[in-house]
Amino acid sequence: MKFTVAIRNVRLVRIFATLALLYLSSVPGQAQTFPFDQEMLLEVKPLPGSRRVPMLEVHANGTAAVDLWCHSVVAQVAVNGSAIKFSLVSAKPEKCTPERIERDQQMAKALMEVTAWRRNNDIVEFVGPTSFRFRISTH
């Protein structure tokens, strides 16, 4: 008798655990929306002799302002679910050191290769062959 009750209890526990897992898998996770119209700063230290770090702000209409290490760039950004595509439109000429020009070119190329994004609270990560972590500005 005790053995039968124990088996029944184990079955009930398994049934409830299965139901709980099914319920949790059917509840959508807290989706993080894309931070349109918010300034995002690249999580890096500034270059020596400067306080500037790359930043970007993507607007809901698909335009974006991107400040690289030296240049300011206008871009078009298409966000579709977790997919994203950057297209750089124009850059404002600036007097830059060769090192900063090279960094700008590398970052611009890498941004155009980004294919996905994900957000965890105030961190937005752009994923591609080179990934970038941006922090949403709170000022």
Protein backbone atom coordinates (compact mmCIF):
# COMPACT_ATOMS: atom_id res chain seq x y z
CA MET A 1 0.00 0.00 0.00
CA LYS A 2 2.74 2.46 0.97
CA PHE A 3 4.60 1.62 -2.24
CA THR A 4 1.52 2.39 -4.37
CA VAL A 5 1.01 5.75 -2.64
CA ALA A 6 4.68 6.65 -3.18
CA ILE A 7 4.42 5.82 -6.89
CA ARG A 8 1.25 7.88 -7.18
CA ASN A 9 2.98 10.84 -5.46
CA VAL A 10 5.96 10.61 -7.82
CA ARG A 11 3.58 10.61 -10.80
CA LEU A 12 1.72 13.64 -9.47
CA VAL A 13 4.99 15.51 -8.96
CA ARG A 14 6.05 14.67 -12.53
CA ILE A 15 2.69 15.79 -13.93
CA PHE A 16 2.82 19.10 -12.05
CA ALA A 17 6.44 19.67 -13.08
CA THR A 18 5.57 19.00 -16.72
CA LEU A 19 2.60 21.36 -16.56
CA ALA A 20 4.74 24.06 -14.94
CA LEU A 21 7.38 23.74 -17.67
CA LEU A 22 4.75 23.89 -20.39
CA TYR A 23 3.25 27.02 -18.84
CA LEU A 24 6.62 28.73 -18.49
CA SER A 25 7.60 27.91 -22.06
CA SER A 26 4.33 29.35 -23.38
CA VAL A 27 4.72 32.67 -21.56
CA PRO A 28 6.77 34.99 -23.76
CA GLY A 29 9.94 36.33 -22.18
CA GLN A 30 10.09 39.98 -21.36
CA ALA A 31 10.95 41.29 -24.80
CA GLN A 32 13.29 44.23 -24.83
CA THR A 33 12.35 46.86 -27.36
CA PHE A 34 14.88 48.61 -29.54
CA PRO A 35 15.93 51.91 -27.91
CA PHE A 36 14.88 54.33 -30.64
CA ASP A 37 15.67 58.02 -30.01
CA GLN A 38 18.06 57.22 -27.18
CA GLU A 39 21.75 57.99 -27.15
CA MET A 40 23.94 54.89 -26.82
CA LEU A 41 27.63 55.01 -25.91
CA LEU A 42 30.12 52.31 -26.94
CA GLU A 43 31.50 50.53 -23.88
CA VAL A 44 35.17 51.39 -24.34
CA LYS A 45 37.69 53.71 -22.78
CA PRO A 46 38.40 56.96 -24.65
CA LEU A 47 41.61 57.16 -26.64
CA PRO A 48 44.51 58.87 -24.87
CA GLY A 49 44.13 62.65 -24.94
CA SER A 50 40.39 62.53 -25.62
CA ARG A 51 37.12 62.04 -23.75
CA ARG A 52 35.23 61.02 -26.88
CA VAL A 53 33.89 57.50 -27.36
CA PRO A 54 31.75 56.35 -30.27
CA MET A 55 28.03 56.90 -29.82
CA LEU A 56 24.93 56.43 -31.88
CA GLU A 57 21.28 57.39 -31.83
CA VAL A 58 18.81 55.57 -34.04
CA HIS A 59 15.49 57.24 -34.78
CA ALA A 60 12.23 55.38 -35.38
CA ASN A 61 12.17 56.64 -39.00
CA GLY A 62 15.38 54.70 -39.73
CA THR A 63 17.86 57.58 -39.70
CA ALA A 64 20.78 57.50 -37.32
CA ALA A 65 23.53 59.78 -36.10
CA VAL A 66 26.77 57.91 -35.49
CA ASP A 67 29.78 59.56 -33.90
CA LEU A 68 32.84 57.42 -34.47
CA TRP A 69 36.29 58.07 -32.96
CA CYS A 70 36.64 61.21 -35.06
CA HIS A 71 34.00 61.50 -37.77
CA SER A 72 30.26 62.06 -37.46
CA VAL A 73 28.24 59.88 -39.82
CA VAL A 74 24.64 59.84 -41.02
CA ALA A 75 23.27 56.33 -41.44
CA GLN A 76 20.14 54.44 -42.37
CA VAL A 77 19.20 51.63 -39.99
CA ALA A 78 16.62 48.94 -40.65
CA VAL A 79 15.40 47.09 -37.54
CA ASN A 80 13.17 44.06 -38.07
CA GLY A 81 12.68 41.99 -34.94
CA SER A 82 16.15 41.01 -33.79
CA ALA A 83 17.67 41.68 -37.23
CA ILE A 84 19.39 44.97 -37.99
CA LYS A 85 21.19 46.47 -40.99
CA PHE A 86 23.34 49.61 -40.98
CA SER A 87 23.95 51.57 -44.20
CA LEU A 88 26.29 54.53 -43.83
CA VAL A 89 25.10 57.47 -45.94
CA SER A 90 27.58 60.28 -45.42
CA ALA A 91 30.42 61.38 -43.18
CA LYS A 92 31.31 64.89 -42.12
CA PRO A 93 34.99 65.57 -42.94
CA GLU A 94 37.11 66.19 -39.86
CA LYS A 95 40.79 66.69 -39.23
CA CYS A 96 41.85 63.45 -37.66
CA THR A 97 45.02 61.61 -36.82
CA PRO A 98 45.80 58.64 -39.06
CA GLU A 99 45.13 56.32 -36.10
CA ARG A 100 41.61 57.71 -35.61
CA ILE A 101 40.86 57.63 -39.35
CA GLU A 102 41.84 53.95 -39.39
CA ARG A 103 39.70 53.22 -36.30
CA ASP A 104 36.75 55.03 -37.91
CA GLN A 105 37.10 53.01 -41.11
CA GLN A 106 37.32 49.74 -39.18
CA MET A 107 34.29 50.56 -37.05
CA ALA A 108 32.23 51.77 -40.02
CA LYS A 109 33.00 48.55 -41.90
CA ALA A 110 32.14 46.42 -38.86
CA LEU A 111 28.84 48.27 -38.28
CA MET A 112 27.79 47.55 -41.86
CA GLU A 113 28.45 43.83 -41.21
CA VAL A 114 26.21 43.72 -38.12
CA THR A 115 23.19 41.48 -38.65
CA ALA A 116 21.46 41.23 -35.26
CA TRP A 117 20.89 43.07 -32.03
CA ARG A 118 19.86 42.15 -28.53
CA ARG A 119 19.13 44.18 -25.45
CA ASN A 120 19.56 43.44 -21.78
CA ASN A 121 18.20 46.39 -19.78
CA ASP A 122 20.46 49.35 -20.66
CA ILE A 123 22.99 47.33 -22.71
CA VAL A 124 22.44 46.96 -26.46
CA GLU A 125 24.68 44.53 -28.27
CA PHE A 126 25.09 44.59 -32.04
CA VAL A 127 26.15 41.21 -33.36
CA GLY A 128 28.17 40.47 -36.47
CA PRO A 129 31.72 39.32 -37.26
CA THR A 130 32.65 42.10 -34.83
CA SER A 131 30.21 42.71 -31.99
CA PHE A 132 29.66 45.99 -30.17
CA ARG A 133 28.25 46.67 -26.71
CA PHE A 134 26.56 50.04 -26.29
CA ARG A 135 25.16 51.42 -23.04
CA ILE A 136 22.02 53.55 -23.21
CA SER A 137 22.86 56.98 -21.85
CA THR A 138 20.99 57.91 -18.69
CA HIS A 139 21.73 61.63 -18.68
